[in-house]
């Protein structure tokens, strides 16, 4: 009986240990899930409000445009010449003749000549492609400086991150005026796109999910619009050979007169490359940065954005794409 009780006691002890382990594992999984949820929310908010925190490095199109085009390369036959000289210098030994090896060796030398010709061809094709690539780059830079529309679109598509910015831009039109102004008309995110809840961590490690106040959500929307405006300006200035760019951010607002939701301009910002280059963007808050750069908007913590008059910035309704 004592043996049976011992077995029963050991089984119960093992069961208690297993249950304790499973409970600890479940608790740890919940804590990790809570931490992951809080981290994901933090990353989401950073994507909404921190798009402007990027390195500002401009492409030097003027230096590229000033380069002399490369002349067509001349095909060389260095490899072939060496292979033919080696074949011509071959003198079969008496062993080659006696063992019937001469024919095989001469065939191998002929194959080396053919391979050498292929290598010479490959070298020439590489030089030709490199010259074409550099000359295309020079022509591209010259067309870009001349503000060729197709080249500008290609530059922004292939050289910028405008198409890969999450939570920033839903649409963009780039306008060039007769007096050499460059204006980016941007469809930004709407207030309804902002999160309704926040996720944090309690001291216990559990997730704390709270409803965002309207004021906090409006601040997120403001910061998103400001960060997006600056980031678009940065992308354009980094890619295009221009000194400054004007950005107009649009978002959906309720038209009190009609009762309809309509896209309205809510932020105007003019950014000069010289001014932005001196800033430490990684440590700036979007709204404060826009204010420092002289941005114009009509935003309150109670109501959020209201539409602005683009005529005050010499932008007509037609040029705004309306």
C-alpha atoms as a PDB file:
ATOM      1  CA  UNK A   1       0.000   0.000   0.000  1.00  0.00           C
ATOM      2  CA  UNK A   2       2.856   2.361   0.786  1.00  0.00           C
ATOM      3  CA  UNK A   3       4.232   1.819  -2.683  1.00  0.00           C
ATOM      4  CA  UNK A   4       0.868   2.593  -4.236  1.00  0.00           C
ATOM      5  CA  UNK A   5       0.518   5.747  -2.147  1.00  0.00           C
ATOM      6  CA  UNK A   6       4.037   6.779  -3.157  1.00  0.00           C
ATOM      7  CA  UNK A   7       3.188   6.327  -6.811  1.00  0.00           C
ATOM      8  CA  UNK A   8      -0.058   8.264  -6.345  1.00  0.00           C
ATOM      9  CA  UNK A   9       1.787  10.999  -4.459  1.00  0.00           C
ATOM     10  CA  UNK A  10       4.460  11.242  -7.172  1.00  0.00           C
ATOM     11  CA  UNK A  11       1.802  11.350  -9.900  1.00  0.00           C
ATOM     12  CA  UNK A  12      -0.076  14.141  -8.146  1.00  0.00           C
ATOM     13  CA  UNK A  13       3.146  16.071  -7.587  1.00  0.00           C
ATOM     14  CA  UNK A  14       4.028  15.721 -11.267  1.00  0.00           C
ATOM     15  CA  UNK A  15       0.505  16.822 -12.230  1.00  0.00           C
ATOM     16  CA  UNK A  16       0.751  19.890  -9.974  1.00  0.00           C
ATOM     17  CA  UNK A  17       4.138  20.743 -11.486  1.00  0.00           C
ATOM     18  CA  UNK A  18       2.755  20.294 -14.997  1.00  0.00           C
ATOM     19  CA  UNK A  19      -0.255  22.499 -14.229  1.00  0.00           C
ATOM     20  CA  UNK A  20       2.004  25.134 -12.676  1.00  0.00           C
ATOM     21  CA  UNK A  21       4.249  25.045 -15.735  1.00  0.00           C
ATOM     22  CA  UNK A  22       1.290  25.317 -18.112  1.00  0.00           C
ATOM     23  CA  UNK A  23      -0.148  28.192 -16.084  1.00  0.00           C
ATOM     24  CA  UNK A  24       3.208  29.975 -16.115  1.00  0.00           C
ATOM     25  CA  UNK A  25       3.538  29.355 -19.839  1.00  0.00           C
ATOM     26  CA  UNK A  26       0.051  30.735 -20.468  1.00  0.00           C
ATOM     27  CA  UNK A  27       0.810  33.773 -18.345  1.00  0.00           C
ATOM     28  CA  UNK A  28       4.061  34.341 -20.206  1.00  0.00           C
ATOM     29  CA  UNK A  29       2.256  33.988 -23.539  1.00  0.00           C
ATOM     30  CA  UNK A  30      -0.324  36.556 -22.432  1.00  0.00           C
ATOM     31  CA  UNK A  31       2.423  38.911 -21.278  1.00  0.00           C
ATOM     32  CA  UNK A  32       4.264  38.496 -24.578  1.00  0.00           C
ATOM     33  CA  UNK A  33       1.039  39.035 -26.508  1.00  0.00           C
ATOM     34  CA  UNK A  34       0.361  42.169 -24.465  1.00  0.00           C
ATOM     35  CA  UNK A  35       3.891  43.428 -25.094  1.00  0.00           C
ATOM     36  CA  UNK A  36       3.556  42.701 -28.805  1.00  0.00           C
ATOM     37  CA  UNK A  37       0.221  44.533 -28.975  1.00  0.00           C
ATOM     38  CA  UNK A  38       1.672  47.556 -27.180  1.00  0.00           C
ATOM     39  CA  UNK A  39       4.717  47.553 -29.443  1.00  0.00           C
ATOM     40  CA  UNK A  40       2.591  47.257 -32.581  1.00  0.00           C
ATOM     41  CA  UNK A  41       0.483  50.211 -31.462  1.00  0.00           C
ATOM     42  CA  UNK A  42       3.600  52.267 -30.731  1.00  0.00           C
ATOM     43  CA  UNK A  43       5.011  51.445 -34.175  1.00  0.00           C
ATOM     44  CA  UNK A  44       1.677  52.337 -35.790  1.00  0.00           C
ATOM     45  CA  UNK A  45       1.600  55.730 -34.088  1.00  0.00           C
ATOM     46  CA  UNK A  46       5.219  56.315 -35.104  1.00  0.00           C
ATOM     47  CA  UNK A  47       4.289  55.558 -38.710  1.00  0.00           C
ATOM     48  CA  UNK A  48       1.443  58.036 -38.460  1.00  0.00           C
ATOM     49  CA  UNK A  49       3.413  60.867 -36.884  1.00  0.00           C
ATOM     50  CA  UNK A  50       7.091  60.237 -37.655  1.00  0.00           C
ATOM     51  CA  UNK A  51       7.382  59.962 -41.433  1.00  0.00           C
ATOM     52  CA  UNK A  52       9.444  63.162 -41.508  1.00  0.00           C
ATOM     53  CA  UNK A  53      12.221  61.610 -39.417  1.00  0.00           C
ATOM     54  CA  UNK A  54      14.468  60.548 -42.278  1.00  0.00           C
ATOM     55  CA  UNK A  55      17.945  61.381 -43.559  1.00  0.00           C
ATOM     56  CA  UNK A  56      18.014  64.258 -46.039  1.00  0.00           C
ATOM     57  CA  UNK A  57      20.423  63.446 -48.864  1.00  0.00           C
ATOM     58  CA  UNK A  58      20.052  65.126 -52.237  1.00  0.00           C
ATOM     59  CA  UNK A  59      20.949  63.688 -55.622  1.00  0.00           C
ATOM     60  CA  UNK A  60      23.460  65.943 -57.418  1.00  0.00           C
ATOM     61  CA  UNK A  61      21.914  66.073 -60.869  1.00  0.00           C
ATOM     62  CA  UNK A  62      23.849  69.195 -61.887  1.00  0.00           C
ATOM     63  CA  UNK A  63      27.200  67.409 -61.552  1.00  0.00           C
ATOM     64  CA  UNK A  64      25.883  64.446 -63.527  1.00  0.00           C
ATOM     65  CA  UNK A  65      24.453  66.704 -66.256  1.00  0.00           C
ATOM     66  CA  UNK A  66      27.814  68.480 -66.657  1.00  0.00           C
ATOM     67  CA  UNK A  67      29.718  65.280 -67.426  1.00  0.00           C
ATOM     68  CA  UNK A  68      31.034  64.593 -70.920  1.00  0.00           C
ATOM     69  CA  UNK A  69      29.277  61.702 -72.632  1.00  0.00           C
ATOM     70  CA  UNK A  70      31.412  58.594 -72.980  1.00  0.00           C
ATOM     71  CA  UNK A  71      32.432  57.669 -76.543  1.00  0.00           C
ATOM     72  CA  UNK A  72      31.497  54.216 -77.846  1.00  0.00           C
ATOM     73  CA  UNK A  73      34.052  51.680 -76.592  1.00  0.00           C
ATOM     74  CA  UNK A  74      36.450  49.947 -78.979  1.00  0.00           C
ATOM     75  CA  UNK A  75      36.321  46.207 -78.995  1.00  0.00           C
ATOM     76  CA  UNK A  76      39.619  44.685 -77.868  1.00  0.00           C
ATOM     77  CA  UNK A  77      40.827  41.162 -78.605  1.00  0.00           C
ATOM     78  CA  UNK A  78      43.418  40.771 -75.868  1.00  0.00           C
ATOM     79  CA  UNK A  79      42.137  37.398 -74.693  1.00  0.00           C
ATOM     80  CA  UNK A  80      41.922  36.052 -78.234  1.00  0.00           C
ATOM     81  CA  UNK A  81      45.441  37.278 -79.074  1.00  0.00           C
ATOM     82  CA  UNK A  82      46.933  35.539 -76.052  1.00  0.00           C
ATOM     83  CA  UNK A  83      45.070  32.330 -76.844  1.00  0.00           C
ATOM     84  CA  UNK A  84      46.222  32.358 -80.485  1.00  0.00           C
ATOM     85  CA  UNK A  85      49.818  33.083 -79.453  1.00  0.00           C
ATOM     86  CA  UNK A  86      49.662  30.151 -77.083  1.00  0.00           C
ATOM     87  CA  UNK A  87      48.284  27.910 -79.856  1.00  0.00           C
ATOM     88  CA  UNK A  88      50.928  29.085 -82.324  1.00  0.00           C
ATOM     89  CA  UNK A  89      53.713  28.418 -79.809  1.00  0.00           C
ATOM     90  CA  UNK A  90      52.565  24.882 -79.138  1.00  0.00           C
ATOM     91  CA  UNK A  91      55.149  22.288 -80.177  1.00  0.00           C
ATOM     92  CA  UNK A  92      54.144  18.695 -79.588  1.00  0.00           C
ATOM     93  CA  UNK A  93      56.695  16.589 -77.765  1.00  0.00           C
ATOM     94  CA  UNK A  94      57.754  13.113 -78.866  1.00  0.00           C
ATOM     95  CA  UNK A  95      55.487  11.737 -76.145  1.00  0.00           C
ATOM     96  CA  UNK A  96      52.516  13.651 -77.640  1.00  0.00           C
ATOM     97  CA  UNK A  97      53.276  12.180 -81.036  1.00  0.00           C
ATOM     98  CA  UNK A  98      53.997   8.708 -79.773  1.00  0.00           C
ATOM     99  CA  UNK A  99      50.885   8.547 -77.558  1.00  0.00           C
ATOM    100  CA  UNK A 100      48.574  10.286 -80.037  1.00  0.00           C
ATOM    101  CA  UNK A 101      48.029  13.257 -77.724  1.00  0.00           C
ATOM    102  CA  UNK A 102      48.814  16.030 -80.214  1.00  0.00           C
ATOM    103  CA  UNK A 103      45.360  16.123 -81.815  1.00  0.00           C
ATOM    104  CA  UNK A 104      43.586  16.387 -78.457  1.00  0.00           C
ATOM    105  CA  UNK A 105      45.873  19.168 -77.248  1.00  0.00           C
ATOM    106  CA  UNK A 106      45.428  21.168 -80.451  1.00  0.00           C
ATOM    107  CA  UNK A 107      41.658  20.765 -80.139  1.00  0.00           C
ATOM    108  CA  UNK A 108      41.843  22.067 -76.578  1.00  0.00           C
ATOM    109  CA  UNK A 109      43.870  25.080 -77.753  1.00  0.00           C
ATOM    110  CA  UNK A 110      41.232  25.797 -80.408  1.00  0.00           C
ATOM    111  CA  UNK A 111      38.548  25.646 -77.718  1.00  0.00           C
ATOM    112  CA  UNK A 112      40.556  28.108 -75.609  1.00  0.00           C
ATOM    113  CA  UNK A 113      40.630  30.479 -78.593  1.00  0.00           C
ATOM    114  CA  UNK A 114      36.834  30.243 -78.942  1.00  0.00           C
ATOM    115  CA  UNK A 115      36.411  30.841 -75.207  1.00  0.00           C
ATOM    116  CA  UNK A 116      38.793  33.809 -75.379  1.00  0.00           C
ATOM    117  CA  UNK A 117      36.710  35.335 -78.188  1.00  0.00           C
ATOM    118  CA  UNK A 118      33.596  34.923 -76.039  1.00  0.00           C
ATOM    119  CA  UNK A 119      35.326  36.662 -73.112  1.00  0.00           C
ATOM    120  CA  UNK A 120      36.427  39.527 -75.367  1.00  0.00           C
ATOM    121  CA  UNK A 121      32.835  39.842 -76.597  1.00  0.00           C
ATOM    122  CA  UNK A 122      31.522  39.843 -73.023  1.00  0.00           C
ATOM    123  CA  UNK A 123      34.026  42.540 -71.997  1.00  0.00           C
ATOM    124  CA  UNK A 124      33.012  44.701 -74.951  1.00  0.00           C
ATOM    125  CA  UNK A 125      29.300  44.260 -74.242  1.00  0.00           C
ATOM    126  CA  UNK A 126      29.908  45.237 -70.602  1.00  0.00           C
ATOM    127  CA  UNK A 127      31.833  48.364 -71.618  1.00  0.00           C
ATOM    128  CA  UNK A 128      29.144  49.225 -74.151  1.00  0.00           C
ATOM    129  CA  UNK A 129      26.364  48.803 -71.578  1.00  0.00           C
ATOM    130  CA  UNK A 130      28.291  50.849 -69.002  1.00  0.00           C
ATOM    131  CA  UNK A 131      28.855  53.692 -71.480  1.00  0.00           C
ATOM    132  CA  UNK A 132      25.193  53.602 -72.476  1.00  0.00           C
ATOM    133  CA  UNK A 133      24.111  53.587 -68.839  1.00  0.00           C
ATOM    134  CA  UNK A 134      26.289  56.592 -67.987  1.00  0.00           C
ATOM    135  CA  UNK A 135      25.222  58.497 -71.088  1.00  0.00           C
ATOM    136  CA  UNK A 136      21.578  57.743 -70.320  1.00  0.00           C
ATOM    137  CA  UNK A 137      22.150  59.076 -66.796  1.00  0.00           C
ATOM    138  CA  UNK A 138      23.650  62.282 -68.202  1.00  0.00           C
ATOM    139  CA  UNK A 139      20.719  62.712 -70.596  1.00  0.00           C
ATOM    140  CA  UNK A 140      18.282  61.937 -67.776  1.00  0.00           C
ATOM    141  CA  UNK A 141      19.891  64.596 -65.556  1.00  0.00           C
ATOM    142  CA  UNK A 142      19.785  67.164 -68.341  1.00  0.00           C
ATOM    143  CA  UNK A 143      16.112  66.452 -69.055  1.00  0.00           C
ATOM    144  CA  UNK A 144      15.354  66.612 -65.343  1.00  0.00           C
ATOM    145  CA  UNK A 145      17.005  70.024 -65.000  1.00  0.00           C
ATOM    146  CA  UNK A 146      15.016  71.146 -68.033  1.00  0.00           C
ATOM    147  CA  UNK A 147      11.885  69.990 -66.151  1.00  0.00           C
ATOM    148  CA  UNK A 148      10.746  67.495 -68.742  1.00  0.00           C
ATOM    149  CA  UNK A 149       7.443  66.201 -67.368  1.00  0.00           C
ATOM    150  CA  UNK A 150       7.981  62.532 -68.236  1.00  0.00           C
ATOM    151  CA  UNK A 151      11.486  62.558 -66.742  1.00  0.00           C
ATOM    152  CA  UNK A 152      10.233  64.164 -63.537  1.00  0.00           C
ATOM    153  CA  UNK A 153       7.525  61.524 -63.171  1.00  0.00           C
ATOM    154  CA  UNK A 154      10.080  58.782 -63.800  1.00  0.00           C
ATOM    155  CA  UNK A 155      12.484  60.260 -61.236  1.00  0.00           C
ATOM    156  CA  UNK A 156       9.820  60.473 -58.547  1.00  0.00           C
ATOM    157  CA  UNK A 157       8.609  56.961 -59.350  1.00  0.00           C
ATOM    158  CA  UNK A 158      12.017  55.255 -59.428  1.00  0.00           C
ATOM    159  CA  UNK A 159      14.207  57.391 -57.151  1.00  0.00           C
ATOM    160  CA  UNK A 160      11.856  58.442 -54.340  1.00  0.00           C
ATOM    161  CA  UNK A 161       9.902  56.598 -51.642  1.00  0.00           C
ATOM    162  CA  UNK A 162       6.648  58.408 -52.386  1.00  0.00           C
ATOM    163  CA  UNK A 163       4.996  55.191 -53.502  1.00  0.00           C
ATOM    164  CA  UNK A 164       6.067  53.308 -50.364  1.00  0.00           C
ATOM    165  CA  UNK A 165       5.057  55.682 -47.578  1.00  0.00           C
ATOM    166  CA  UNK A 166       2.568  53.987 -45.229  1.00  0.00           C
ATOM    167  CA  UNK A 167      -0.107  56.102 -43.562  1.00  0.00           C
ATOM    168  CA  UNK A 168       0.893  59.298 -45.390  1.00  0.00           C
ATOM    169  CA  UNK A 169      -0.235  59.860 -48.939  1.00  0.00           C
ATOM    170  CA  UNK A 170      -3.340  58.669 -50.756  1.00  0.00           C
ATOM    171  CA  UNK A 171      -2.752  60.769 -53.881  1.00  0.00           C
ATOM    172  CA  UNK A 172      -0.316  63.343 -55.212  1.00  0.00           C
ATOM    173  CA  UNK A 173      -0.303  65.833 -58.079  1.00  0.00           C
ATOM    174  CA  UNK A 174       2.822  67.837 -58.876  1.00  0.00           C
ATOM    175  CA  UNK A 175       2.188  71.223 -60.470  1.00  0.00           C
ATOM    176  CA  UNK A 176       4.682  73.482 -62.252  1.00  0.00           C
ATOM    177  CA  UNK A 177       3.686  77.113 -62.640  1.00  0.00           C
ATOM    178  CA  UNK A 178       4.863  79.572 -65.266  1.00  0.00           C
ATOM    179  CA  UNK A 179       6.929  81.410 -62.640  1.00  0.00           C
ATOM    180  CA  UNK A 180       8.902  78.208 -61.826  1.00  0.00           C
ATOM    181  CA  UNK A 181       7.059  77.259 -58.655  1.00  0.00           C
ATOM    182  CA  UNK A 182       6.723  73.573 -57.827  1.00  0.00           C
ATOM    183  CA  UNK A 183       3.557  72.724 -55.876  1.00  0.00           C
ATOM    184  CA  UNK A 184       2.668  69.289 -54.519  1.00  0.00           C
ATOM    185  CA  UNK A 185      -1.080  68.800 -54.012  1.00  0.00           C
ATOM    186  CA  UNK A 186      -1.483  65.855 -51.643  1.00  0.00           C
ATOM    187  CA  UNK A 187      -4.470  63.824 -50.511  1.00  0.00           C
ATOM    188  CA  UNK A 188      -3.637  63.057 -46.884  1.00  0.00           C
ATOM    189  CA  UNK A 189      -5.294  60.704 -44.442  1.00  0.00           C
ATOM    190  CA  UNK A 190      -8.646  61.646 -42.953  1.00  0.00           C
ATOM    191  CA  UNK A 191      -9.581  61.955 -39.289  1.00  0.00           C
ATOM    192  CA  UNK A 192     -11.543  58.702 -39.596  1.00  0.00           C
ATOM    193  CA  UNK A 193      -8.272  56.935 -40.425  1.00  0.00           C
ATOM    194  CA  UNK A 194      -6.882  57.645 -36.965  1.00  0.00           C
ATOM    195  CA  UNK A 195      -7.000  54.877 -34.313  1.00  0.00           C
ATOM    196  CA  UNK A 196      -9.916  54.898 -31.902  1.00  0.00           C
ATOM    197  CA  UNK A 197      -8.066  53.119 -29.084  1.00  0.00           C
ATOM    198  CA  UNK A 198      -4.621  53.137 -27.541  1.00  0.00           C
ATOM    199  CA  UNK A 199      -2.732  50.080 -26.293  1.00  0.00           C
ATOM    200  CA  UNK A 200      -0.295  50.314 -23.391  1.00  0.00           C
ATOM    201  CA  UNK A 201       1.153  48.090 -20.679  1.00  0.00           C
ATOM    202  CA  UNK A 202       0.231  48.022 -17.004  1.00  0.00           C
ATOM    203  CA  UNK A 203       2.824  47.337 -14.301  1.00  0.00           C
ATOM    204  CA  UNK A 204       1.498  43.788 -14.183  1.00  0.00           C
ATOM    205  CA  UNK A 205       2.459  43.367 -17.821  1.00  0.00           C
ATOM    206  CA  UNK A 206      -1.123  43.159 -19.022  1.00  0.00           C
ATOM    207  CA  UNK A 207      -2.297  45.199 -21.980  1.00  0.00           C
ATOM    208  CA  UNK A 208      -4.225  48.364 -21.213  1.00  0.00           C
ATOM    209  CA  UNK A 209      -6.671  49.275 -23.968  1.00  0.00           C
ATOM    210  CA  UNK A 210      -8.259  52.690 -23.678  1.00  0.00           C
ATOM    211  CA  UNK A 211     -10.563  54.741 -25.838  1.00  0.00           C
ATOM    212  CA  UNK A 212      -8.725  57.678 -27.359  1.00  0.00           C
ATOM    213  CA  UNK A 213     -10.196  61.031 -26.479  1.00  0.00           C
ATOM    214  CA  UNK A 214     -11.332  63.155 -29.396  1.00  0.00           C
ATOM    215  CA  UNK A 215      -8.661  65.713 -28.558  1.00  0.00           C
ATOM    216  CA  UNK A 216      -5.890  63.099 -28.680  1.00  0.00           C
ATOM    217  CA  UNK A 217      -7.198  61.682 -31.960  1.00  0.00           C
ATOM    218  CA  UNK A 218      -7.296  65.185 -33.442  1.00  0.00           C
ATOM    219  CA  UNK A 219      -3.691  65.706 -32.333  1.00  0.00           C
ATOM    220  CA  UNK A 220      -2.690  62.458 -34.049  1.00  0.00           C
ATOM    221  CA  UNK A 221      -4.401  63.640 -37.226  1.00  0.00           C
ATOM    222  CA  UNK A 222      -2.636  67.000 -37.029  1.00  0.00           C
ATOM    223  CA  UNK A 223       0.747  65.345 -36.501  1.00  0.00           C
ATOM    224  CA  UNK A 224       0.077  62.921 -39.349  1.00  0.00           C
ATOM    225  CA  UNK A 225      -0.811  65.701 -41.783  1.00  0.00           C
ATOM    226  CA  UNK A 226       2.252  67.715 -40.723  1.00  0.00           C
ATOM    227  CA  UNK A 227       4.631  64.736 -40.883  1.00  0.00           C
ATOM    228  CA  UNK A 228       3.274  63.732 -44.290  1.00  0.00           C
ATOM    229  CA  UNK A 229       3.689  67.257 -45.671  1.00  0.00           C
ATOM    230  CA  UNK A 230       7.304  67.428 -44.558  1.00  0.00           C
ATOM    231  CA  UNK A 231       8.124  63.905 -45.793  1.00  0.00           C
ATOM    232  CA  UNK A 232       6.695  64.579 -49.248  1.00  0.00           C
ATOM    233  CA  UNK A 233       8.679  67.824 -49.402  1.00  0.00           C
ATOM    234  CA  UNK A 234      11.825  65.930 -48.424  1.00  0.00           C
ATOM    235  CA  UNK A 235      11.304  63.229 -51.047  1.00  0.00           C
ATOM    236  CA  UNK A 236      10.749  65.799 -53.789  1.00  0.00           C
ATOM    237  CA  UNK A 237      13.742  67.934 -52.783  1.00  0.00           C
ATOM    238  CA  UNK A 238      15.999  64.882 -52.529  1.00  0.00           C
ATOM    239  CA  UNK A 239      15.071  63.680 -56.011  1.00  0.00           C
ATOM    240  CA  UNK A 240      14.432  66.801 -58.086  1.00  0.00           C
ATOM    241  CA  UNK A 241      17.005  69.516 -58.836  1.00  0.00           C
ATOM    242  CA  UNK A 242      14.962  72.352 -57.322  1.00  0.00           C
ATOM    243  CA  UNK A 243      15.671  74.743 -54.453  1.00  0.00           C
ATOM    244  CA  UNK A 244      12.257  74.672 -52.802  1.00  0.00           C
ATOM    245  CA  UNK A 245       8.858  73.043 -53.002  1.00  0.00           C
ATOM    246  CA  UNK A 246       5.388  74.059 -51.836  1.00  0.00           C
ATOM    247  CA  UNK A 247       3.111  71.458 -50.307  1.00  0.00           C
ATOM    248  CA  UNK A 248      -0.660  71.622 -49.904  1.00  0.00           C
ATOM    249  CA  UNK A 249      -2.229  68.891 -47.802  1.00  0.00           C
ATOM    250  CA  UNK A 250      -5.882  67.962 -48.345  1.00  0.00           C
ATOM    251  CA  UNK A 251      -8.168  65.929 -46.110  1.00  0.00           C
ATOM    252  CA  UNK A 252     -11.887  65.177 -45.948  1.00  0.00           C
ATOM    253  CA  UNK A 253     -13.932  67.666 -43.927  1.00  0.00           C
ATOM    254  CA  UNK A 254     -17.629  68.101 -43.275  1.00  0.00           C
ATOM    255  CA  UNK A 255     -19.055  70.998 -45.260  1.00  0.00           C
ATOM    256  CA  UNK A 256     -21.493  72.571 -42.811  1.00  0.00           C
ATOM    257  CA  UNK A 257     -23.351  74.337 -45.635  1.00  0.00           C
ATOM    258  CA  UNK A 258     -24.022  71.218 -47.718  1.00  0.00           C
ATOM    259  CA  UNK A 259     -23.783  68.508 -45.071  1.00  0.00           C
ATOM    260  CA  UNK A 260     -21.423  66.573 -47.356  1.00  0.00           C
ATOM    261  CA  UNK A 261     -17.898  65.338 -46.761  1.00  0.00           C
ATOM    262  CA  UNK A 262     -15.537  67.139 -49.142  1.00  0.00           C
ATOM    263  CA  UNK A 263     -11.789  67.209 -49.685  1.00  0.00           C
ATOM    264  CA  UNK A 264     -10.409  70.525 -48.479  1.00  0.00           C
ATOM    265  CA  UNK A 265      -6.923  72.059 -48.288  1.00  0.00           C
ATOM    266  CA  UNK A 266      -5.886  72.216 -44.642  1.00  0.00           C
ATOM    267  CA  UNK A 267      -2.137  72.891 -44.637  1.00  0.00           C
ATOM    268  CA  UNK A 268       0.184  74.988 -46.788  1.00  0.00           C
ATOM    269  CA  UNK A 269       3.932  74.592 -46.377  1.00  0.00           C
ATOM    270  CA  UNK A 270       6.867  75.940 -48.351  1.00  0.00           C
ATOM    271  CA  UNK A 271      10.132  74.092 -47.747  1.00  0.00           C
ATOM    272  CA  UNK A 272      13.559  75.260 -48.932  1.00  0.00           C
ATOM    273  CA  UNK A 273      16.310  72.668 -49.319  1.00  0.00           C
ATOM    274  CA  UNK A 274      18.818  74.942 -47.599  1.00  0.00           C
ATOM    275  CA  UNK A 275      16.600  75.346 -44.539  1.00  0.00           C
ATOM    276  CA  UNK A 276      15.743  71.681 -44.158  1.00  0.00           C
ATOM    277  CA  UNK A 277      19.343  70.528 -44.601  1.00  0.00           C
ATOM    278  CA  UNK A 278      20.399  72.235 -41.360  1.00  0.00           C
ATOM    279  CA  UNK A 279      17.803  70.472 -39.187  1.00  0.00           C
ATOM    280  CA  UNK A 280      18.137  67.301 -37.129  1.00  0.00           C
ATOM    281  CA  UNK A 281      14.938  65.712 -38.379  1.00  0.00           C
ATOM    282  CA  UNK A 282      15.259  62.593 -36.228  1.00  0.00           C
ATOM    283  CA  UNK A 283      14.546  64.612 -33.071  1.00  0.00           C
ATOM    284  CA  UNK A 284      11.777  66.887 -34.281  1.00  0.00           C
ATOM    285  CA  UNK A 285       8.043  66.738 -33.695  1.00  0.00           C
ATOM    286  CA  UNK A 286       6.027  67.161 -36.867  1.00  0.00           C
ATOM    287  CA  UNK A 287       3.692  69.967 -35.770  1.00  0.00           C
ATOM    288  CA  UNK A 288       6.524  71.984 -34.187  1.00  0.00           C
ATOM    289  CA  UNK A 289       8.635  71.509 -37.308  1.00  0.00           C
ATOM    290  CA  UNK A 290       5.874  72.742 -39.593  1.00  0.00           C
ATOM    291  CA  UNK A 291       5.399  75.783 -37.368  1.00  0.00           C
ATOM    292  CA  UNK A 292       9.144  76.463 -37.452  1.00  0.00           C
ATOM    293  CA  UNK A 293       9.144  76.240 -41.245  1.00  0.00           C
ATOM    294  CA  UNK A 294       6.312  78.768 -41.436  1.00  0.00           C
ATOM    295  CA  UNK A 295       3.469  76.422 -42.325  1.00  0.00           C
ATOM    296  CA  UNK A 296      -0.103  77.726 -42.449  1.00  0.00           C
ATOM    297  CA  UNK A 297      -3.150  75.844 -41.178  1.00  0.00           C
ATOM    298  CA  UNK A 298      -6.336  76.360 -39.186  1.00  0.00           C
ATOM    299  CA  UNK A 299      -6.358  73.686 -36.459  1.00  0.00           C
ATOM    300  CA  UNK A 300      -7.778  73.627 -32.941  1.00  0.00           C
ATOM    301  CA  UNK A 301      -7.789  70.887 -30.342  1.00  0.00           C
ATOM    302  CA  UNK A 302     -11.562  71.135 -30.183  1.00  0.00           C
ATOM    303  CA  UNK A 303     -12.448  71.012 -33.878  1.00  0.00           C
ATOM    304  CA  UNK A 304      -9.313  69.785 -35.623  1.00  0.00           C
ATOM    305  CA  UNK A 305      -8.581  71.080 -39.111  1.00  0.00           C
ATOM    306  CA  UNK A 306     -10.625  73.623 -40.985  1.00  0.00           C
ATOM    307  CA  UNK A 307     -10.158  74.510 -44.626  1.00  0.00           C
ATOM    308  CA  UNK A 308      -7.735  77.251 -45.658  1.00  0.00           C
ATOM    309  CA  UNK A 309      -7.877  79.712 -48.543  1.00  0.00           C
ATOM    310  CA  UNK A 310      -5.276  78.796 -51.150  1.00  0.00           C
ATOM    311  CA  UNK A 311      -5.741  82.166 -52.794  1.00  0.00           C
ATOM    312  CA  UNK A 312      -3.729  83.644 -49.919  1.00  0.00           C
ATOM    313  CA  UNK A 313      -0.742  81.736 -51.276  1.00  0.00           C
ATOM    314  CA  UNK A 314      -1.375  82.633 -54.922  1.00  0.00           C
ATOM    315  CA  UNK A 315      -2.711  79.194 -55.734  1.00  0.00           C
ATOM    316  CA  UNK A 316      -5.877  79.194 -57.792  1.00  0.00           C
ATOM    317  CA  UNK A 317      -8.647  76.649 -57.404  1.00  0.00           C
ATOM    318  CA  UNK A 318      -7.881  75.338 -60.892  1.00  0.00           C
ATOM    319  CA  UNK A 319      -4.243  74.703 -60.094  1.00  0.00           C
ATOM    320  CA  UNK A 320      -5.280  72.850 -56.961  1.00  0.00           C
ATOM    321  CA  UNK A 321      -6.774  70.165 -59.151  1.00  0.00           C
ATOM    322  CA  UNK A 322     -10.366  70.819 -58.011  1.00  0.00           C
END
